[in-house]
Amino acid sequence: MLFEGGGMATDIKGSAKHDKLMKYNVRTNYSNFDKAMQKGLQRIKEFSSKLNIKDSVRKTADGLFAIVEKSEKLKGKNLDAKVAMLLFVASRKKDQPKQIKDILAITGV
């Protein structure tokens, strides 16, 4: 399980007129860890699709991201840099290496 609290919550979605309510909902329903996980996993998914990385590598990167976030060793560091590093490591672990220059070009690090 990647998220704290079982990963379940009620989300409020809607149009622009509900922006304040949606922001309040996110602030109150999610811990800082869950917010960081949500942003990180979304960024991994985004960059994986741009780099044509297979799902097995993306899932490995997701798991590594959870480990890194739980350890808090890279807390406060640039999210894109963490994601770039994890995609590089995950692709090596799954024997589908991507060149670091390709990953850095996509992530903008």
Protein backbone atom coordinates (compact mmCIF):
# COMPACT_ATOMS: atom_id res chain seq x y z
CA MET A 1 0.00 0.00 0.00
CA LEU A 2 1.50 3.30 -1.07
CA PHE A 3 -0.76 5.80 0.69
CA GLU A 4 -1.30 6.24 4.40
CA GLY A 5 -4.75 5.68 5.85
CA GLY A 6 -5.62 2.92 3.40
CA GLY A 7 -5.51 5.26 0.44
CA MET A 8 -9.23 6.04 0.62
CA ALA A 9 -10.81 9.45 0.82
CA THR A 10 -13.73 11.41 -0.53
CA ASP A 11 -12.72 13.75 -3.33
CA ILE A 12 -14.66 16.79 -4.41
CA LYS A 13 -14.49 17.44 -8.12
CA GLY A 14 -16.22 20.11 -10.08
CA SER A 15 -15.96 23.19 -12.18
CA ALA A 16 -13.96 26.36 -11.62
CA LYS A 17 -16.65 27.71 -9.29
CA HIS A 18 -15.78 24.90 -6.85
CA ASP A 19 -12.01 25.62 -6.80
CA LYS A 20 -11.95 26.88 -3.20
CA LEU A 21 -13.92 23.90 -1.97
CA MET A 22 -11.66 21.47 -3.86
CA LYS A 23 -8.50 23.10 -2.44
CA TYR A 24 -9.93 22.93 1.08
CA ASN A 25 -10.85 19.28 0.52
CA VAL A 26 -7.27 18.41 -0.49
CA ARG A 27 -5.80 20.30 2.47
CA THR A 28 -8.01 18.56 5.01
CA ASN A 29 -8.33 15.01 3.65
CA TYR A 30 -4.71 14.19 2.87
CA SER A 31 -1.59 14.05 5.01
CA ASN A 32 1.58 15.70 3.75
CA PHE A 33 2.92 12.25 2.89
CA ASP A 34 -0.17 11.44 0.81
CA LYS A 35 0.05 14.76 -1.03
CA ALA A 36 3.72 14.18 -1.83
CA MET A 37 2.96 10.63 -2.98
CA GLN A 38 0.12 11.81 -5.19
CA LYS A 39 2.28 14.46 -6.86
CA GLY A 40 5.23 12.13 -7.25
CA LEU A 41 3.27 9.22 -8.70
CA GLN A 42 1.55 11.56 -11.14
CA ARG A 43 4.91 12.97 -12.24
CA ILE A 44 6.36 9.45 -12.66
CA LYS A 45 3.38 8.49 -14.81
CA GLU A 46 3.72 11.65 -16.90
CA PHE A 47 7.45 11.25 -17.53
CA SER A 48 7.13 7.50 -18.13
CA SER A 49 4.66 8.06 -20.93
CA LYS A 50 6.91 10.70 -22.52
CA LEU A 51 9.89 8.34 -22.35
CA ASN A 52 7.90 5.27 -23.52
CA ILE A 53 8.82 3.41 -20.35
CA LYS A 54 7.01 0.11 -19.78
CA ASP A 55 4.52 -0.32 -16.93
CA SER A 56 6.79 -2.74 -15.07
CA VAL A 57 9.50 -0.07 -14.88
CA ARG A 58 6.97 2.60 -13.87
CA LYS A 59 5.62 0.38 -11.09
CA THR A 60 9.15 -0.22 -9.84
CA ALA A 61 9.74 3.54 -9.84
CA ASP A 62 6.46 4.00 -7.93
CA GLY A 63 7.63 1.58 -5.24
CA LEU A 64 11.04 3.23 -5.02
CA PHE A 65 9.36 6.64 -4.70
CA ALA A 66 7.33 5.37 -1.73
CA ILE A 67 10.51 4.12 -0.06
CA VAL A 68 12.29 7.42 -0.64
CA GLU A 69 9.35 9.46 0.65
CA LYS A 70 8.94 7.31 3.77
CA SER A 71 12.64 7.61 4.58
CA GLU A 72 12.47 11.43 4.35
CA LYS A 73 16.14 11.45 3.30
CA LEU A 74 15.36 13.58 0.24
CA LYS A 75 12.62 15.66 1.84
CA GLY A 76 12.47 19.13 0.34
CA LYS A 77 14.50 18.19 -2.72
CA ASN A 78 13.31 18.94 -6.24
CA LEU A 79 10.51 16.53 -7.21
CA ASP A 80 11.57 16.31 -10.86
CA ALA A 81 15.13 15.45 -9.81
CA LYS A 82 13.86 12.66 -7.54
CA VAL A 83 11.63 11.31 -10.29
CA ALA A 84 14.45 11.43 -12.85
CA MET A 85 16.76 9.53 -10.52
CA LEU A 86 14.12 6.92 -9.71
CA LEU A 87 13.20 6.35 -13.36
CA PHE A 88 16.88 5.87 -14.15
CA VAL A 89 17.35 3.38 -11.30
CA ALA A 90 14.09 1.52 -12.03
CA SER A 91 14.93 1.15 -15.71
CA ARG A 92 18.35 -0.29 -14.78
CA LYS A 93 16.79 -2.70 -12.27
CA LYS A 94 14.39 -4.01 -14.92
CA ASP A 95 17.16 -4.35 -17.55
CA GLN A 96 15.54 -1.73 -19.76
CA PRO A 97 18.02 1.11 -19.30
CA LYS A 98 17.36 4.62 -20.53
CA GLN A 99 20.18 7.07 -21.02
CA ILE A 100 20.37 9.66 -18.28
CA LYS A 101 20.55 12.46 -20.85
CA ASP A 102 17.18 11.35 -22.28
CA ILE A 103 15.59 11.30 -18.84
CA LEU A 104 17.06 14.68 -17.92
CA ALA A 105 15.87 16.21 -21.20
CA ILE A 106 12.27 15.16 -20.53
CA THR A 107 12.24 16.07 -16.84
CA GLY A 108 13.96 19.42 -17.32
CA VAL A 109 16.45 18.78 -14.53
